[in-house]
Amino acid sequence: SKDAARGVVMTLQAEGIKSRVFNLGVGRPYDNQELIDIFKQVVPGAKLSVDDSETTSQTSSVFLDLTRAQTELGFDAEYDIPAAVTDYVAWYRRISAAKRT
């Protein structure tokens, strides 16, 4: 996503940082069904489903702690997941159309 790219550039340009590893994300969990619902809103007619038979309560709500990236880099996500998916799908459609011409 654009946030991830921006976070990597912020890391490369940062001076005097204490850490070598930073989590980049939106700062809140999204479960599998939420992600599917978001994709279906952006791409009507998309046929997506999830098999939660192997999902545990621990893995269904895992997300990244952004504290270190926020504190040391000043990073905060500019896109939430719906906006990031919308942006990605628009980009994908543009490059797909360009390849066909």
C-alpha atoms as a PDB file:
ATOM      1  CA  SER A   1       0.000   0.000   0.000  1.00  0.00           C
ATOM      2  CA  LYS A   2       1.009   3.613  -0.239  1.00  0.00           C
ATOM      3  CA  ASP A   3       1.256   3.747   3.560  1.00  0.00           C
ATOM      4  CA  ALA A   4       3.735   0.870   3.597  1.00  0.00           C
ATOM      5  CA  ALA A   5       5.847   2.529   0.899  1.00  0.00           C
ATOM      6  CA  ARG A   6       5.736   5.838   2.770  1.00  0.00           C
ATOM      7  CA  GLY A   7       6.765   4.078   5.989  1.00  0.00           C
ATOM      8  CA  VAL A   8       9.739   2.427   4.297  1.00  0.00           C
ATOM      9  CA  VAL A   9      10.885   5.769   2.881  1.00  0.00           C
ATOM     10  CA  MET A  10      10.458   7.397   6.315  1.00  0.00           C
ATOM     11  CA  THR A  11      12.628   4.649   7.799  1.00  0.00           C
ATOM     12  CA  LEU A  12      15.339   5.057   5.172  1.00  0.00           C
ATOM     13  CA  GLN A  13      15.419   8.814   5.614  1.00  0.00           C
ATOM     14  CA  ALA A  14      15.258   8.842   9.426  1.00  0.00           C
ATOM     15  CA  GLU A  15      18.351   9.875  11.318  1.00  0.00           C
ATOM     16  CA  GLY A  16      19.256   8.718  14.797  1.00  0.00           C
ATOM     17  CA  ILE A  17      16.589   6.046  15.058  1.00  0.00           C
ATOM     18  CA  LYS A  18      16.977   3.556  17.899  1.00  0.00           C
ATOM     19  CA  SER A  19      15.223   0.586  16.314  1.00  0.00           C
ATOM     20  CA  ARG A  20      15.859  -1.515  13.236  1.00  0.00           C
ATOM     21  CA  VAL A  21      12.385  -3.016  12.858  1.00  0.00           C
ATOM     22  CA  PHE A  22       9.108  -1.118  12.528  1.00  0.00           C
ATOM     23  CA  ASN A  23       5.563  -2.387  12.150  1.00  0.00           C
ATOM     24  CA  LEU A  24       3.556  -0.540   9.516  1.00  0.00           C
ATOM     25  CA  GLY A  25      -0.191  -0.947   9.342  1.00  0.00           C
ATOM     26  CA  VAL A  26      -3.480   0.733  10.092  1.00  0.00           C
ATOM     27  CA  GLY A  27      -3.372   0.146  13.836  1.00  0.00           C
ATOM     28  CA  ARG A  28      -6.535  -1.889  14.254  1.00  0.00           C
ATOM     29  CA  PRO A  29      -7.495  -5.478  13.543  1.00  0.00           C
ATOM     30  CA  TYR A  30      -9.706  -6.543  10.653  1.00  0.00           C
ATOM     31  CA  ASP A  31     -11.058 -10.071  10.692  1.00  0.00           C
ATOM     32  CA  ASN A  32     -11.257 -12.184   7.561  1.00  0.00           C
ATOM     33  CA  GLN A  33     -14.956 -11.562   6.992  1.00  0.00           C
ATOM     34  CA  GLU A  34     -14.498  -7.790   7.290  1.00  0.00           C
ATOM     35  CA  LEU A  35     -11.804  -7.915   4.610  1.00  0.00           C
ATOM     36  CA  ILE A  36     -14.016  -9.968   2.308  1.00  0.00           C
ATOM     37  CA  ASP A  37     -16.910  -7.560   2.836  1.00  0.00           C
ATOM     38  CA  ILE A  38     -14.636  -4.616   2.010  1.00  0.00           C
ATOM     39  CA  PHE A  39     -13.416  -6.266  -1.209  1.00  0.00           C
ATOM     40  CA  LYS A  40     -16.998  -7.078  -2.203  1.00  0.00           C
ATOM     41  CA  GLN A  41     -17.982  -3.423  -1.716  1.00  0.00           C
ATOM     42  CA  VAL A  42     -15.104  -2.270  -3.905  1.00  0.00           C
ATOM     43  CA  VAL A  43     -15.496  -5.059  -6.476  1.00  0.00           C
ATOM     44  CA  PRO A  44     -19.216  -5.837  -6.734  1.00  0.00           C
ATOM     45  CA  GLY A  45     -19.803  -9.407  -7.815  1.00  0.00           C
ATOM     46  CA  ALA A  46     -16.458 -10.636  -6.472  1.00  0.00           C
ATOM     47  CA  LYS A  47     -16.774 -14.244  -5.407  1.00  0.00           C
ATOM     48  CA  LEU A  48     -14.799 -14.454  -2.191  1.00  0.00           C
ATOM     49  CA  SER A  49     -15.206 -16.594   0.880  1.00  0.00           C
ATOM     50  CA  VAL A  50     -13.165 -17.591   3.891  1.00  0.00           C
ATOM     51  CA  ASP A  51     -12.658 -20.934   5.560  1.00  0.00           C
ATOM     52  CA  ASP A  52     -12.445 -20.100   9.241  1.00  0.00           C
ATOM     53  CA  SER A  53     -12.104 -23.734  10.280  1.00  0.00           C
ATOM     54  CA  GLU A  54      -8.418 -23.213  11.105  1.00  0.00           C
ATOM     55  CA  THR A  55      -8.802 -19.719  12.542  1.00  0.00           C
ATOM     56  CA  THR A  56      -8.391 -19.393  16.265  1.00  0.00           C
ATOM     57  CA  SER A  57      -9.462 -16.505  18.434  1.00  0.00           C
ATOM     58  CA  GLN A  58      -5.780 -15.494  18.590  1.00  0.00           C
ATOM     59  CA  THR A  59      -5.189 -15.367  14.830  1.00  0.00           C
ATOM     60  CA  SER A  60      -8.515 -13.781  13.953  1.00  0.00           C
ATOM     61  CA  SER A  61      -7.650 -10.526  15.722  1.00  0.00           C
ATOM     62  CA  VAL A  62      -3.885 -10.150  15.240  1.00  0.00           C
ATOM     63  CA  PHE A  63      -2.672  -6.718  14.220  1.00  0.00           C
ATOM     64  CA  LEU A  64       0.558  -4.770  14.382  1.00  0.00           C
ATOM     65  CA  ASP A  65       1.524  -2.420  17.199  1.00  0.00           C
ATOM     66  CA  LEU A  66       2.528   0.850  15.550  1.00  0.00           C
ATOM     67  CA  THR A  67       3.888   2.537  18.674  1.00  0.00           C
ATOM     68  CA  ARG A  68       7.555   2.332  17.654  1.00  0.00           C
ATOM     69  CA  ALA A  69       6.873   3.635  14.111  1.00  0.00           C
ATOM     70  CA  GLN A  70       4.708   6.427  15.512  1.00  0.00           C
ATOM     71  CA  THR A  71       7.238   7.413  18.172  1.00  0.00           C
ATOM     72  CA  GLU A  72      10.481   7.144  16.211  1.00  0.00           C
ATOM     73  CA  LEU A  73       9.313   7.963  12.684  1.00  0.00           C
ATOM     74  CA  GLY A  74       6.132   9.963  13.181  1.00  0.00           C
ATOM     75  CA  PHE A  75       4.298   7.337  11.092  1.00  0.00           C
ATOM     76  CA  ASP A  76       0.521   7.141  11.072  1.00  0.00           C
ATOM     77  CA  ALA A  77      -1.503   5.446   8.390  1.00  0.00           C
ATOM     78  CA  GLU A  78      -3.241   7.802   5.986  1.00  0.00           C
ATOM     79  CA  TYR A  79      -5.437   5.042   4.549  1.00  0.00           C
ATOM     80  CA  ASP A  80      -7.795   2.781   6.430  1.00  0.00           C
ATOM     81  CA  ILE A  81      -8.325  -0.669   4.909  1.00  0.00           C
ATOM     82  CA  PRO A  82     -11.394   0.291   2.815  1.00  0.00           C
ATOM     83  CA  ALA A  83      -9.510   3.262   1.322  1.00  0.00           C
ATOM     84  CA  ALA A  84      -6.376   1.168   0.737  1.00  0.00           C
ATOM     85  CA  VAL A  85      -8.357  -1.572  -1.029  1.00  0.00           C
ATOM     86  CA  THR A  86     -10.189   1.003  -3.153  1.00  0.00           C
ATOM     87  CA  ASP A  87      -6.876   2.623  -4.110  1.00  0.00           C
ATOM     88  CA  TYR A  88      -5.261  -0.750  -4.893  1.00  0.00           C
ATOM     89  CA  VAL A  89      -8.154  -1.963  -7.050  1.00  0.00           C
ATOM     90  CA  ALA A  90      -8.146   1.311  -9.010  1.00  0.00           C
ATOM     91  CA  TRP A  91      -4.383   0.987  -9.559  1.00  0.00           C
ATOM     92  CA  TYR A  92      -4.707  -2.648 -10.623  1.00  0.00           C
ATOM     93  CA  ARG A  93      -7.456  -1.803 -13.100  1.00  0.00           C
ATOM     94  CA  ARG A  94      -5.305   1.002 -14.587  1.00  0.00           C
ATOM     95  CA  ILE A  95      -2.266  -1.206 -15.114  1.00  0.00           C
ATOM     96  CA  SER A  96      -4.397  -4.064 -16.444  1.00  0.00           C
ATOM     97  CA  ALA A  97      -6.024  -1.748 -18.983  1.00  0.00           C
ATOM     98  CA  ALA A  98      -2.611  -0.379 -19.996  1.00  0.00           C
ATOM     99  CA  LYS A  99      -1.293  -3.886 -20.620  1.00  0.00           C
ATOM    100  CA  ARG A 100      -4.199  -4.652 -22.958  1.00  0.00           C
ATOM    101  CA  THR A 101      -3.483  -1.633 -25.161  1.00  0.00           C
END
